[in-house]
C-alpha cells in the first residue's frame, strides 16, 4: 500500500465512523485501474457480533452491511474522496463475510487511479 492508498484508507475509515458510528479496525486499499479496492477487518460492533450468533441476525447484518452502506454513499456522496483523488466517484460495490468479520468495498471512479497514483 503506497501513501495515497493509505490515506484513502483513512478517508474511508473516517467516513464510515462519521456516518455509521464505527469504522473498520483495519483497512488495506489497492488502486487497480479506476477502482479503489478496500479490504476491511473488524467491521462489526460487539452488539452486531452478538446478533450474528442467530441466523436471522446474520441475515439482517449482511443486508445492513451491504445495501444500507451503498445507500449511505448515495445519500452522502464521498466528496472527501473526490477532493483527495481529484476525480469523480461513480459507483460502489460492497460485500461482507459476517462469520469472518471481513468486508470488501470497491469504489469506482472516473479516472485510472492506478496510473495516477502508483508511480
PDB file of N, CA and C in Angstrom:
ATOM      1  N   UNK A   1       0.861  -1.173   0.000  1.00  0.00           N
ATOM      2  CA  UNK A   1       0.000   0.000   0.000  1.00  0.00           C
ATOM      3  C   UNK A   1       0.908   1.237   0.000  1.00  0.00           C
ATOM      4  N   UNK A   2       0.734   2.086  -1.025  1.00  0.00           N
ATOM      5  CA  UNK A   2       1.531   3.313  -1.054  1.00  0.00           C
ATOM      6  C   UNK A   2       0.848   4.395  -0.204  1.00  0.00           C
ATOM      7  N   UNK A   3       1.459   5.567  -0.131  1.00  0.00           N
ATOM      8  CA  UNK A   3       0.932   6.613   0.761  1.00  0.00           C
ATOM      9  C   UNK A   3      -0.442   7.111   0.327  1.00  0.00           C
ATOM     10  N   UNK A   4      -0.747   7.103  -0.964  1.00  0.00           N
ATOM     11  CA  UNK A   4      -2.067   7.533  -1.436  1.00  0.00           C
ATOM     12  C   UNK A   4      -3.142   6.514  -1.066  1.00  0.00           C
ATOM     13  N   UNK A   5      -2.800   5.245  -1.217  1.00  0.00           N
ATOM     14  CA  UNK A   5      -3.732   4.184  -0.822  1.00  0.00           C
ATOM     15  C   UNK A   5      -3.955   4.191   0.685  1.00  0.00           C
ATOM     16  N   UNK A   6      -2.895   4.439   1.456  1.00  0.00           N
ATOM     17  CA  UNK A   6      -3.015   4.515   2.917  1.00  0.00           C
ATOM     18  C   UNK A   6      -3.901   5.694   3.332  1.00  0.00           C
ATOM     19  N   UNK A   7      -3.726   6.827   2.683  1.00  0.00           N
ATOM     20  CA  UNK A   7      -4.563   7.993   3.008  1.00  0.00           C
ATOM     21  C   UNK A   7      -6.014   7.746   2.601  1.00  0.00           C
ATOM     22  N   UNK A   8      -6.219   7.076   1.475  1.00  0.00           N
ATOM     23  CA  UNK A   8      -7.582   6.737   1.056  1.00  0.00           C
ATOM     24  C   UNK A   8      -8.234   5.840   2.118  1.00  0.00           C
ATOM     25  N   UNK A   9      -7.483   4.883   2.660  1.00  0.00           N
ATOM     26  CA  UNK A   9      -7.988   4.022   3.741  1.00  0.00           C
ATOM     27  C   UNK A   9      -8.440   4.860   4.932  1.00  0.00           C
ATOM     28  N   UNK A  10      -7.660   5.872   5.288  1.00  0.00           N
ATOM     29  CA  UNK A  10      -8.022   6.751   6.406  1.00  0.00           C
ATOM     30  C   UNK A  10      -9.306   7.521   6.121  1.00  0.00           C
ATOM     31  N   UNK A  11      -9.480   7.945   4.870  1.00  0.00           N
ATOM     32  CA  UNK A  11     -10.696   8.672   4.488  1.00  0.00           C
ATOM     33  C   UNK A  11     -11.911   7.741   4.589  1.00  0.00           C
ATOM     34  N   UNK A  12     -11.767   6.507   4.140  1.00  0.00           N
ATOM     35  CA  UNK A  12     -12.863   5.527   4.228  1.00  0.00           C
ATOM     36  C   UNK A  12     -13.231   5.292   5.688  1.00  0.00           C
ATOM     37  N   UNK A  13     -12.226   5.087   6.546  1.00  0.00           N
ATOM     38  CA  UNK A  13     -12.476   4.844   7.974  1.00  0.00           C
ATOM     39  C   UNK A  13     -13.211   6.021   8.603  1.00  0.00           C
ATOM     40  N   UNK A  14     -12.760   7.216   8.313  1.00  0.00           N
ATOM     41  CA  UNK A  14     -13.377   8.426   8.851  1.00  0.00           C
ATOM     42  C   UNK A  14     -14.821   8.581   8.361  1.00  0.00           C
ATOM     43  N   UNK A  15     -15.063   8.322   7.081  1.00  0.00           N
ATOM     44  CA  UNK A  15     -16.399   8.422   6.509  1.00  0.00           C
ATOM     45  C   UNK A  15     -17.345   7.430   7.184  1.00  0.00           C
ATOM     46  N   UNK A  16     -16.886   6.187   7.340  1.00  0.00           N
ATOM     47  CA  UNK A  16     -17.717   5.156   7.986  1.00  0.00           C
ATOM     48  C   UNK A  16     -18.002   5.519   9.438  1.00  0.00           C
ATOM     49  N   UNK A  17     -16.995   5.999  10.132  1.00  0.00           N
ATOM     50  CA  UNK A  17     -17.186   6.372  11.535  1.00  0.00           C
ATOM     51  C   UNK A  17     -18.187   7.516  11.659  1.00  0.00           C
ATOM     52  N   UNK A  18     -18.080   8.501  10.766  1.00  0.00           N
ATOM     53  CA  UNK A  18     -18.975   9.651  10.795  1.00  0.00           C
ATOM     54  C   UNK A  18     -20.427   9.249  10.513  1.00  0.00           C
ATOM     55  N   UNK A  19     -20.634   8.372   9.544  1.00  0.00           N
ATOM     56  CA  UNK A  19     -21.992   8.053   9.107  1.00  0.00           C
ATOM     57  C   UNK A  19     -22.567   6.768   9.699  1.00  0.00           C
ATOM     58  N   UNK A  20     -21.710   5.918  10.292  1.00  0.00           N
ATOM     59  CA  UNK A  20     -22.190   4.650  10.850  1.00  0.00           C
ATOM     60  C   UNK A  20     -21.869   4.506  12.334  1.00  0.00           C
ATOM     61  N   UNK A  21     -21.063   5.408  12.855  1.00  0.00           N
ATOM     62  CA  UNK A  21     -20.713   5.341  14.266  1.00  0.00           C
ATOM     63  C   UNK A  21     -19.477   4.521  14.561  1.00  0.00           C
ATOM     64  N   UNK A  22     -19.043   3.703  13.598  1.00  0.00           N
ATOM     65  CA  UNK A  22     -17.860   2.860  13.783  1.00  0.00           C
ATOM     66  C   UNK A  22     -17.234   2.583  12.423  1.00  0.00           C
ATOM     67  N   UNK A  23     -15.931   2.656  12.391  1.00  0.00           N
ATOM     68  CA  UNK A  23     -15.206   2.289  11.178  1.00  0.00           C
ATOM     69  C   UNK A  23     -14.487   0.981  11.392  1.00  0.00           C
ATOM     70  N   UNK A  24     -14.028   0.352  10.312  1.00  0.00           N
ATOM     71  CA  UNK A  24     -13.264  -0.891  10.441  1.00  0.00           C
ATOM     72  C   UNK A  24     -11.980  -0.673  11.232  1.00  0.00           C
ATOM     73  N   UNK A  25     -11.511  -1.724  11.918  1.00  0.00           N
ATOM     74  CA  UNK A  25     -10.267  -1.586  12.680  1.00  0.00           C
ATOM     75  C   UNK A  25      -9.044  -1.624  11.760  1.00  0.00           C
ATOM     76  N   UNK A  26      -9.170  -2.269  10.590  1.00  0.00           N
ATOM     77  CA  UNK A  26      -8.048  -2.345   9.647  1.00  0.00           C
ATOM     78  C   UNK A  26      -8.591  -2.254   8.227  1.00  0.00           C
ATOM     79  N   UNK A  27      -7.979  -1.380   7.425  1.00  0.00           N
ATOM     80  CA  UNK A  27      -8.338  -1.246   6.014  1.00  0.00           C
ATOM     81  C   UNK A  27      -7.060  -1.287   5.189  1.00  0.00           C
ATOM     82  N   UNK A  28      -7.086  -2.098   4.148  1.00  0.00           N
ATOM     83  CA  UNK A  28      -5.998  -2.145   3.185  1.00  0.00           C
ATOM     84  C   UNK A  28      -6.590  -1.787   1.829  1.00  0.00           C
ATOM     85  N   UNK A  29      -6.041  -0.760   1.195  1.00  0.00           N
ATOM     86  CA  UNK A  29      -6.553  -0.295  -0.093  1.00  0.00           C
ATOM     87  C   UNK A  29      -5.550  -0.587  -1.192  1.00  0.00           C
ATOM     88  N   UNK A  30      -6.079  -0.989  -2.349  1.00  0.00           N
ATOM     89  CA  UNK A  30      -5.286  -1.199  -3.552  1.00  0.00           C
ATOM     90  C   UNK A  30      -5.962  -0.471  -4.695  1.00  0.00           C
ATOM     91  N   UNK A  31      -5.211   0.356  -5.408  1.00  0.00           N
ATOM     92  CA  UNK A  31      -5.742   1.005  -6.599  1.00  0.00           C
ATOM     93  C   UNK A  31      -5.492   0.078  -7.789  1.00  0.00           C
ATOM     94  N   UNK A  32      -6.558  -0.236  -8.515  1.00  0.00           N
ATOM     95  CA  UNK A  32      -6.471  -1.086  -9.699  1.00  0.00           C
ATOM     96  C   UNK A  32      -7.332  -0.456 -10.784  1.00  0.00           C
ATOM     97  N   UNK A  33      -6.682   0.077 -11.784  1.00  0.00           N
ATOM     98  CA  UNK A  33      -7.359   0.828 -12.849  1.00  0.00           C
ATOM     99  C   UNK A  33      -8.199   1.940 -12.208  1.00  0.00           C
ATOM    100  N   UNK A  34      -9.515   1.988 -12.473  1.00  0.00           N
ATOM    101  CA  UNK A  34     -10.323   3.069 -11.883  1.00  0.00           C
ATOM    102  C   UNK A  34     -11.030   2.624 -10.599  1.00  0.00           C
ATOM    103  N   UNK A  35     -10.541   1.563 -10.008  1.00  0.00           N
ATOM    104  CA  UNK A  35     -11.113   1.043  -8.760  1.00  0.00           C
ATOM    105  C   UNK A  35     -10.188   1.302  -7.579  1.00  0.00           C
ATOM    106  N   UNK A  36     -10.796   1.609  -6.443  1.00  0.00           N
ATOM    107  CA  UNK A  36     -10.097   1.610  -5.152  1.00  0.00           C
ATOM    108  C   UNK A  36     -10.704   0.438  -4.386  1.00  0.00           C
ATOM    109  N   UNK A  37      -9.935  -0.626  -4.226  1.00  0.00           N
ATOM    110  CA  UNK A  37     -10.410  -1.853  -3.584  1.00  0.00           C
ATOM    111  C   UNK A  37      -9.979  -1.827  -2.124  1.00  0.00           C
ATOM    112  N   UNK A  38     -10.961  -1.829  -1.223  1.00  0.00           N
ATOM    113  CA  UNK A  38     -10.678  -1.769   0.211  1.00  0.00           C
ATOM    114  C   UNK A  38     -11.063  -3.085   0.875  1.00  0.00           C
ATOM    115  N   UNK A  39     -10.065  -3.728   1.486  1.00  0.00           N
ATOM    116  CA  UNK A  39     -10.301  -4.923   2.301  1.00  0.00           C
ATOM    117  C   UNK A  39     -10.398  -4.439   3.740  1.00  0.00           C
ATOM    118  N   UNK A  40     -11.484  -4.825   4.429  1.00  0.00           N
ATOM    119  CA  UNK A  40     -11.738  -4.280   5.756  1.00  0.00           C
ATOM    120  C   UNK A  40     -11.954  -5.382   6.785  1.00  0.00           C
ATOM    121  N   UNK A  41     -11.243  -5.269   7.890  1.00  0.00           N
ATOM    122  CA  UNK A  41     -11.389  -6.203   9.010  1.00  0.00           C
ATOM    123  C   UNK A  41     -11.913  -5.429  10.219  1.00  0.00           C
ATOM    124  N   UNK A  42     -12.602  -6.143  11.099  1.00  0.00           N
ATOM    125  CA  UNK A  42     -13.094  -5.517  12.321  1.00  0.00           C
ATOM    126  C   UNK A  42     -14.210  -4.531  12.069  1.00  0.00           C
ATOM    127  N   UNK A  43     -15.173  -4.938  11.283  1.00  0.00           N
ATOM    128  CA  UNK A  43     -16.295  -4.064  10.931  1.00  0.00           C
ATOM    129  C   UNK A  43     -17.405  -4.063  11.965  1.00  0.00           C
ATOM    130  N   UNK A  44     -17.626  -5.202  12.613  1.00  0.00           N
ATOM    131  CA  UNK A  44     -18.797  -5.385  13.465  1.00  0.00           C
ATOM    132  C   UNK A  44     -18.584  -4.869  14.884  1.00  0.00           C
ATOM    133  N   UNK A  45     -19.624  -4.266  15.424  1.00  0.00           N
ATOM    134  CA  UNK A  45     -19.606  -3.823  16.819  1.00  0.00           C
ATOM    135  C   UNK A  45     -19.891  -5.033  17.716  1.00  0.00           C
ATOM    136  N   UNK A  46     -19.665  -4.929  19.022  1.00  0.00           N
ATOM    137  CA  UNK A  46     -19.991  -6.039  19.925  1.00  0.00           C
ATOM    138  C   UNK A  46     -21.461  -6.469  19.842  1.00  0.00           C
ATOM    139  N   UNK A  47     -22.360  -5.515  19.694  1.00  0.00           N
ATOM    140  CA  UNK A  47     -23.784  -5.851  19.582  1.00  0.00           C
ATOM    141  C   UNK A  47     -24.051  -6.611  18.285  1.00  0.00           C
ATOM    142  N   UNK A  48     -23.415  -6.185  17.188  1.00  0.00           N
ATOM    143  CA  UNK A  48     -23.592  -6.883  15.918  1.00  0.00           C
ATOM    144  C   UNK A  48     -23.031  -8.303  15.984  1.00  0.00           C
ATOM    145  N   UNK A  49     -21.911  -8.483  16.660  1.00  0.00           N
ATOM    146  CA  UNK A  49     -21.355  -9.834  16.827  1.00  0.00           C
ATOM    147  C   UNK A  49     -22.321 -10.726  17.594  1.00  0.00           C
ATOM    148  N   UNK A  50     -22.975 -10.169  18.605  1.00  0.00           N
ATOM    149  CA  UNK A  50     -23.978 -10.916  19.353  1.00  0.00           C
ATOM    150  C   UNK A  50     -25.150 -11.276  18.445  1.00  0.00           C
ATOM    151  N   UNK A  51     -25.610 -10.316  17.641  1.00  0.00           N
ATOM    152  CA  UNK A  51     -26.711 -10.568  16.708  1.00  0.00           C
ATOM    153  C   UNK A  51     -26.359 -11.668  15.706  1.00  0.00           C
ATOM    154  N   UNK A  52     -25.108 -11.734  15.304  1.00  0.00           N
ATOM    155  CA  UNK A  52     -24.667 -12.702  14.302  1.00  0.00           C
ATOM    156  C   UNK A  52     -24.703 -14.140  14.813  1.00  0.00           C
ATOM    157  N   UNK A  53     -24.909 -14.314  16.098  1.00  0.00           N
ATOM    158  CA  UNK A  53     -24.983 -15.676  16.638  1.00  0.00           C
ATOM    159  C   UNK A  53     -26.300 -16.355  16.258  1.00  0.00           C
ATOM    160  N   UNK A  54     -27.273 -15.599  15.764  1.00  0.00           N
ATOM    161  CA  UNK A  54     -28.541 -16.166  15.297  1.00  0.00           C
ATOM    162  C   UNK A  54     -28.631 -15.994  13.777  1.00  0.00           C
ATOM    163  N   UNK A  55     -29.201 -16.962  13.101  1.00  0.00           N
ATOM    164  CA  UNK A  55     -29.326 -16.920  11.644  1.00  0.00           C
ATOM    165  C   UNK A  55     -30.043 -15.648  11.182  1.00  0.00           C
ATOM    166  N   UNK A  56     -31.142 -15.302  11.848  1.00  0.00           N
ATOM    167  CA  UNK A  56     -31.903 -14.111  11.462  1.00  0.00           C
ATOM    168  C   UNK A  56     -31.054 -12.850  11.622  1.00  0.00           C
ATOM    169  N   UNK A  57     -30.287 -12.809  12.689  1.00  0.00           N
ATOM    170  CA  UNK A  57     -29.406 -11.662  12.929  1.00  0.00           C
ATOM    171  C   UNK A  57     -28.333 -11.568  11.868  1.00  0.00           C
ATOM    172  N   UNK A  58     -27.773 -12.692  11.471  1.00  0.00           N
ATOM    173  CA  UNK A  58     -26.732 -12.734  10.448  1.00  0.00           C
ATOM    174  C   UNK A  58     -27.270 -12.199   9.117  1.00  0.00           C
ATOM    175  N   UNK A  59     -28.493 -12.606   8.772  1.00  0.00           N
ATOM    176  CA  UNK A  59     -29.105 -12.139   7.518  1.00  0.00           C
ATOM    177  C   UNK A  59     -29.371 -10.637   7.567  1.00  0.00           C
ATOM    178  N   UNK A  60     -29.864 -10.153   8.690  1.00  0.00           N
ATOM    179  CA  UNK A  60     -30.135  -8.718   8.837  1.00  0.00           C
ATOM    180  C   UNK A  60     -28.833  -7.914   8.764  1.00  0.00           C
ATOM    181  N   UNK A  61     -27.787  -8.420   9.402  1.00  0.00           N
ATOM    182  CA  UNK A  61     -26.496  -7.733   9.384  1.00  0.00           C
ATOM    183  C   UNK A  61     -25.915  -7.667   7.971  1.00  0.00           C
ATOM    184  N   UNK A  62     -26.006  -8.776   7.245  1.00  0.00           N
ATOM    185  CA  UNK A  62     -25.462  -8.793   5.887  1.00  0.00           C
ATOM    186  C   UNK A  62     -26.194  -7.774   5.018  1.00  0.00           C
ATOM    187  N   UNK A  63     -27.492  -7.701   5.163  1.00  0.00           N
ATOM    188  CA  UNK A  63     -28.275  -6.720   4.408  1.00  0.00           C
ATOM    189  C   UNK A  63     -27.875  -5.299   4.798  1.00  0.00           C
ATOM    190  N   UNK A  64     -27.768  -5.063   6.093  1.00  0.00           N
ATOM    191  CA  UNK A  64     -27.400  -3.729   6.579  1.00  0.00           C
ATOM    192  C   UNK A  64     -26.001  -3.342   6.120  1.00  0.00           C
ATOM    193  N   UNK A  65     -25.093  -4.295   6.137  1.00  0.00           N
ATOM    194  CA  UNK A  65     -23.701  -4.004   5.804  1.00  0.00           C
ATOM    195  C   UNK A  65     -23.421  -4.027   4.306  1.00  0.00           C
ATOM    196  N   UNK A  66     -24.424  -4.280   3.489  1.00  0.00           N
ATOM    197  CA  UNK A  66     -24.245  -4.197   2.038  1.00  0.00           C
ATOM    198  C   UNK A  66     -25.167  -3.122   1.468  1.00  0.00           C
ATOM    199  N   UNK A  67     -26.451  -3.390   1.435  1.00  0.00           N
ATOM    200  CA  UNK A  67     -27.393  -2.455   0.809  1.00  0.00           C
ATOM    201  C   UNK A  67     -27.465  -1.115   1.530  1.00  0.00           C
ATOM    202  N   UNK A  68     -27.483  -1.145   2.852  1.00  0.00           N
ATOM    203  CA  UNK A  68     -27.583   0.114   3.597  1.00  0.00           C
ATOM    204  C   UNK A  68     -26.310   0.942   3.468  1.00  0.00           C
ATOM    205  N   UNK A  69     -25.159   0.287   3.357  1.00  0.00           N
ATOM    206  CA  UNK A  69     -23.902   1.021   3.168  1.00  0.00           C
ATOM    207  C   UNK A  69     -23.908   1.698   1.800  1.00  0.00           C
ATOM    208  N   UNK A  70     -24.331   0.979   0.763  1.00  0.00           N
ATOM    209  CA  UNK A  70     -24.405   1.582  -0.570  1.00  0.00           C
ATOM    210  C   UNK A  70     -25.368   2.776  -0.566  1.00  0.00           C
ATOM    211  N   UNK A  71     -26.491   2.620   0.123  1.00  0.00           N
ATOM    212  CA  UNK A  71     -27.470   3.702   0.222  1.00  0.00           C
ATOM    213  C   UNK A  71     -26.882   4.907   0.957  1.00  0.00           C
ATOM    214  N   UNK A  72     -26.073   4.652   1.981  1.00  0.00           N
ATOM    215  CA  UNK A  72     -25.435   5.735   2.728  1.00  0.00           C
ATOM    216  C   UNK A  72     -24.537   6.567   1.796  1.00  0.00           C
ATOM    217  N   UNK A  73     -23.782   5.904   0.923  1.00  0.00           N
ATOM    218  CA  UNK A  73     -22.914   6.629  -0.006  1.00  0.00           C
ATOM    219  C   UNK A  73     -23.728   7.391  -1.057  1.00  0.00           C
ATOM    220  N   UNK A  74     -24.914   6.877  -1.404  1.00  0.00           N
ATOM    221  CA  UNK A  74     -25.789   7.603  -2.333  1.00  0.00           C
ATOM    222  C   UNK A  74     -26.325   8.879  -1.679  1.00  0.00           C
ATOM    223  N   UNK A  75     -26.712   8.760  -0.409  1.00  0.00           N
ATOM    224  CA  UNK A  75     -27.279   9.906   0.309  1.00  0.00           C
ATOM    225  C   UNK A  75     -26.222  10.919   0.725  1.00  0.00           C
ATOM    226  N   UNK A  76     -25.021  10.439   0.977  1.00  0.00           N
ATOM    227  CA  UNK A  76     -23.910  11.289   1.417  1.00  0.00           C
ATOM    228  C   UNK A  76     -22.726  11.061   0.474  1.00  0.00           C
ATOM    229  N   UNK A  77     -22.737  11.691  -0.695  1.00  0.00           N
ATOM    230  CA  UNK A  77     -21.634  11.465  -1.645  1.00  0.00           C
ATOM    231  C   UNK A  77     -20.279  11.722  -0.985  1.00  0.00           C
ATOM    232  N   UNK A  78     -19.304  10.855  -1.267  1.00  0.00           N
ATOM    233  CA  UNK A  78     -17.991  10.956  -0.601  1.00  0.00           C
ATOM    234  C   UNK A  78     -17.106  12.047  -1.209  1.00  0.00           C
ATOM    235  N   UNK A  79     -17.477  13.291  -0.953  1.00  0.00           N
ATOM    236  CA  UNK A  79     -16.732  14.420  -1.520  1.00  0.00           C
ATOM    237  C   UNK A  79     -15.280  14.443  -1.035  1.00  0.00           C
ATOM    238  N   UNK A  80     -15.038  13.959   0.188  1.00  0.00           N
ATOM    239  CA  UNK A  80     -13.658  13.927   0.701  1.00  0.00           C
ATOM    240  C   UNK A  80     -12.776  13.055  -0.193  1.00  0.00           C
ATOM    241  N   UNK A  81     -13.325  11.925  -0.653  1.00  0.00           N
ATOM    242  CA  UNK A  81     -12.575  11.028  -1.545  1.00  0.00           C
ATOM    243  C   UNK A  81     -12.318  11.712  -2.882  1.00  0.00           C
ATOM    244  N   UNK A  82     -13.353  12.345  -3.420  1.00  0.00           N
ATOM    245  CA  UNK A  82     -13.224  13.016  -4.712  1.00  0.00           C
ATOM    246  C   UNK A  82     -12.188  14.133  -4.650  1.00  0.00           C
ATOM    247  N   UNK A  83     -12.211  14.913  -3.583  1.00  0.00           N
ATOM    248  CA  UNK A  83     -11.246  16.004  -3.428  1.00  0.00           C
ATOM    249  C   UNK A  83      -9.827  15.464  -3.320  1.00  0.00           C
ATOM    250  N   UNK A  84      -9.660  14.404  -2.530  1.00  0.00           N
ATOM    251  CA  UNK A  84      -8.328  13.822  -2.351  1.00  0.00           C
ATOM    252  C   UNK A  84      -7.792  13.243  -3.661  1.00  0.00           C
ATOM    253  N   UNK A  85      -8.642  12.513  -4.386  1.00  0.00           N
ATOM    254  CA  UNK A  85      -8.201  11.843  -5.612  1.00  0.00           C
ATOM    255  C   UNK A  85      -8.234  12.748  -6.841  1.00  0.00           C
ATOM    256  N   UNK A  86      -9.012  13.833  -6.763  1.00  0.00           N
ATOM    257  CA  UNK A  86      -9.139  14.724  -7.908  1.00  0.00           C
ATOM    258  C   UNK A  86      -9.929  14.106  -9.050  1.00  0.00           C
ATOM    259  N   UNK A  87     -10.892  13.256  -8.718  1.00  0.00           N
ATOM    260  CA  UNK A  87     -11.753  12.649  -9.729  1.00  0.00           C
ATOM    261  C   UNK A  87     -13.118  12.332  -9.129  1.00  0.00           C
ATOM    262  N   UNK A  88     -14.046  11.937  -9.968  1.00  0.00           N
ATOM    263  CA  UNK A  88     -15.442  11.778  -9.584  1.00  0.00           C
ATOM    264  C   UNK A  88     -15.772  10.332  -9.196  1.00  0.00           C
ATOM    265  N   UNK A  89     -16.441  10.170  -8.039  1.00  0.00           N
ATOM    266  CA  UNK A  89     -16.963   8.883  -7.582  1.00  0.00           C
ATOM    267  C   UNK A  89     -18.156   8.499  -8.448  1.00  0.00           C
ATOM    268  N   UNK A  90     -18.173   7.240  -8.929  1.00  0.00           N
ATOM    269  CA  UNK A  90     -19.262   6.802  -9.805  1.00  0.00           C
ATOM    270  C   UNK A  90     -20.149   5.733  -9.181  1.00  0.00           C
ATOM    271  N   UNK A  91     -19.529   4.732  -8.511  1.00  0.00           N
ATOM    272  CA  UNK A  91     -20.309   3.587  -8.044  1.00  0.00           C
ATOM    273  C   UNK A  91     -19.577   2.871  -6.918  1.00  0.00           C
ATOM    274  N   UNK A  92     -20.348   2.083  -6.149  1.00  0.00           N
ATOM    275  CA  UNK A  92     -19.781   1.322  -5.032  1.00  0.00           C
ATOM    276  C   UNK A  92     -20.328  -0.101  -5.047  1.00  0.00           C
ATOM    277  N   UNK A  93     -19.424  -1.064  -4.891  1.00  0.00           N
ATOM    278  CA  UNK A  93     -19.787  -2.469  -4.722  1.00  0.00           C
ATOM    279  C   UNK A  93     -19.338  -2.879  -3.326  1.00  0.00           C
ATOM    280  N   UNK A  94     -20.209  -3.581  -2.583  1.00  0.00           N
ATOM    281  CA  UNK A  94     -19.914  -3.929  -1.193  1.00  0.00           C
ATOM    282  C   UNK A  94     -20.288  -5.382  -0.923  1.00  0.00           C
ATOM    283  N   UNK A  95     -19.455  -6.065  -0.145  1.00  0.00           N
ATOM    284  CA  UNK A  95     -19.810  -7.393   0.351  1.00  0.00           C
ATOM    285  C   UNK A  95     -19.125  -7.595   1.696  1.00  0.00           C
ATOM    286  N   UNK A  96     -19.689  -8.501   2.506  1.00  0.00           N
ATOM    287  CA  UNK A  96     -19.115  -8.791   3.821  1.00  0.00           C
ATOM    288  C   UNK A  96     -19.348 -10.252   4.161  1.00  0.00           C
ATOM    289  N   UNK A  97     -18.351 -10.843   4.793  1.00  0.00           N
ATOM    290  CA  UNK A  97     -18.467 -12.184   5.367  1.00  0.00           C
ATOM    291  C   UNK A  97     -18.662 -11.963   6.868  1.00  0.00           C
ATOM    292  N   UNK A  98     -19.888 -12.148   7.325  1.00  0.00           N
ATOM    293  CA  UNK A  98     -20.231 -11.871   8.727  1.00  0.00           C
ATOM    294  C   UNK A  98     -19.448 -12.788   9.668  1.00  0.00           C
ATOM    295  N   UNK A  99     -19.308 -14.062   9.317  1.00  0.00           N
ATOM    296  CA  UNK A  99     -18.599 -15.010  10.190  1.00  0.00           C
ATOM    297  C   UNK A  99     -17.141 -14.616  10.412  1.00  0.00           C
ATOM    298  N   UNK A 100     -16.492 -14.141   9.377  1.00  0.00           N
ATOM    299  CA  UNK A 100     -15.078 -13.753   9.466  1.00  0.00           C
ATOM    300  C   UNK A 100     -14.893 -12.284   9.843  1.00  0.00           C
ATOM    301  N   UNK A 101     -15.991 -11.495   9.827  1.00  0.00           N
ATOM    302  CA  UNK A 101     -15.924 -10.057  10.067  1.00  0.00           C
ATOM    303  C   UNK A 101     -14.927  -9.415   9.106  1.00  0.00           C
ATOM    304  N   UNK A 102     -15.078  -9.776   7.830  1.00  0.00           N
ATOM    305  CA  UNK A 102     -14.199  -9.296   6.769  1.00  0.00           C
ATOM    306  C   UNK A 102     -15.072  -8.781   5.633  1.00  0.00           C
ATOM    307  N   UNK A 103     -14.845  -7.536   5.228  1.00  0.00           N
ATOM    308  CA  UNK A 103     -15.632  -6.957   4.157  1.00  0.00           C
ATOM    309  C   UNK A 103     -14.762  -6.370   3.073  1.00  0.00           C
ATOM    310  N   UNK A 104     -15.393  -6.176   1.927  1.00  0.00           N
ATOM    311  CA  UNK A 104     -14.711  -5.534   0.808  1.00  0.00           C
ATOM    312  C   UNK A 104     -15.624  -4.476   0.223  1.00  0.00           C
ATOM    313  N   UNK A 105     -15.036  -3.353  -0.099  1.00  0.00           N
ATOM    314  CA  UNK A 105     -15.735  -2.300  -0.816  1.00  0.00           C
ATOM    315  C   UNK A 105     -14.887  -1.941  -2.021  1.00  0.00           C
ATOM    316  N   UNK A 106     -15.548  -1.842  -3.163  1.00  0.00           N
ATOM    317  CA  UNK A 106     -14.862  -1.431  -4.384  1.00  0.00           C
ATOM    318  C   UNK A 106     -15.485  -0.114  -4.829  1.00  0.00           C
ATOM    319  N   UNK A 107     -14.696   0.935  -4.742  1.00  0.00           N
ATOM    320  CA  UNK A 107     -15.127   2.271  -5.136  1.00  0.00           C
ATOM    321  C   UNK A 107     -14.695   2.481  -6.589  1.00  0.00           C
ATOM    322  N   UNK A 108     -15.631   2.873  -7.431  1.00  0.00           N
ATOM    323  CA  UNK A 108     -15.350   3.083  -8.848  1.00  0.00           C
ATOM    324  C   UNK A 108     -15.318   4.586  -9.120  1.00  0.00           C
ATOM    325  N   UNK A 109     -14.246   5.034  -9.757  1.00  0.00           N
ATOM    326  CA  UNK A 109     -14.065   6.448 -10.081  1.00  0.00           C
ATOM    327  C   UNK A 109     -13.960   6.638 -11.592  1.00  0.00           C
ATOM    328  N   UNK A 110     -13.995   7.880 -12.036  1.00  0.00           N
ATOM    329  CA  UNK A 110     -13.991   8.167 -13.474  1.00  0.00           C
ATOM    330  C   UNK A 110     -12.593   8.334 -14.061  1.00  0.00           C
ATOM    331  N   UNK A 111     -11.558   8.014 -13.291  1.00  0.00           N
ATOM    332  CA  UNK A 111     -10.186   8.087 -13.790  1.00  0.00           C
ATOM    333  C   UNK A 111      -9.412   6.848 -13.359  1.00  0.00           C
ATOM    334  N   UNK A 112      -8.307   6.585 -14.039  1.00  0.00           N
ATOM    335  CA  UNK A 112      -7.442   5.448 -13.731  1.00  0.00           C
ATOM    336  C   UNK A 112      -6.572   5.806 -12.513  1.00  0.00           C
ATOM    337  N   UNK A 113      -6.983   5.356 -11.335  1.00  0.00           N
ATOM    338  CA  UNK A 113      -6.257   5.653 -10.097  1.00  0.00           C
ATOM    339  C   UNK A 113      -4.892   4.986 -10.075  1.00  0.00           C
ATOM    340  N   UNK A 114      -4.810   3.799 -10.624  1.00  0.00           N
ATOM    341  CA  UNK A 114      -3.543   3.059 -10.643  1.00  0.00           C
ATOM    342  C   UNK A 114      -2.488   3.860 -11.399  1.00  0.00           C
ATOM    343  N   UNK A 115      -2.838   4.362 -12.563  1.00  0.00           N
ATOM    344  CA  UNK A 115      -1.886   5.148 -13.361  1.00  0.00           C
ATOM    345  C   UNK A 115      -1.554   6.477 -12.697  1.00  0.00           C
ATOM    346  N   UNK A 116      -2.540   7.062 -12.041  1.00  0.00           N
ATOM    347  CA  UNK A 116      -2.395   8.382 -11.431  1.00  0.00           C
ATOM    348  C   UNK A 116      -1.556   8.369 -10.151  1.00  0.00           C
ATOM    349  N   UNK A 117      -1.686   7.299  -9.336  1.00  0.00           N
ATOM    350  CA  UNK A 117      -1.064   7.303  -8.004  1.00  0.00           C
ATOM    351  C   UNK A 117      -0.008   6.223  -7.761  1.00  0.00           C
ATOM    352  N   UNK A 118       0.145   5.262  -8.631  1.00  0.00           N
ATOM    353  CA  UNK A 118       1.141   4.207  -8.417  1.00  0.00           C
ATOM    354  C   UNK A 118       2.356   4.453  -9.296  1.00  0.00           C
ATOM    355  N   UNK A 119       3.058   5.537  -8.986  1.00  0.00           N
ATOM    356  CA  UNK A 119       4.249   5.917  -9.772  1.00  0.00           C
ATOM    357  C   UNK A 119       5.503   5.639  -8.999  1.00  0.00           C
TER     358      UNK A 119
END
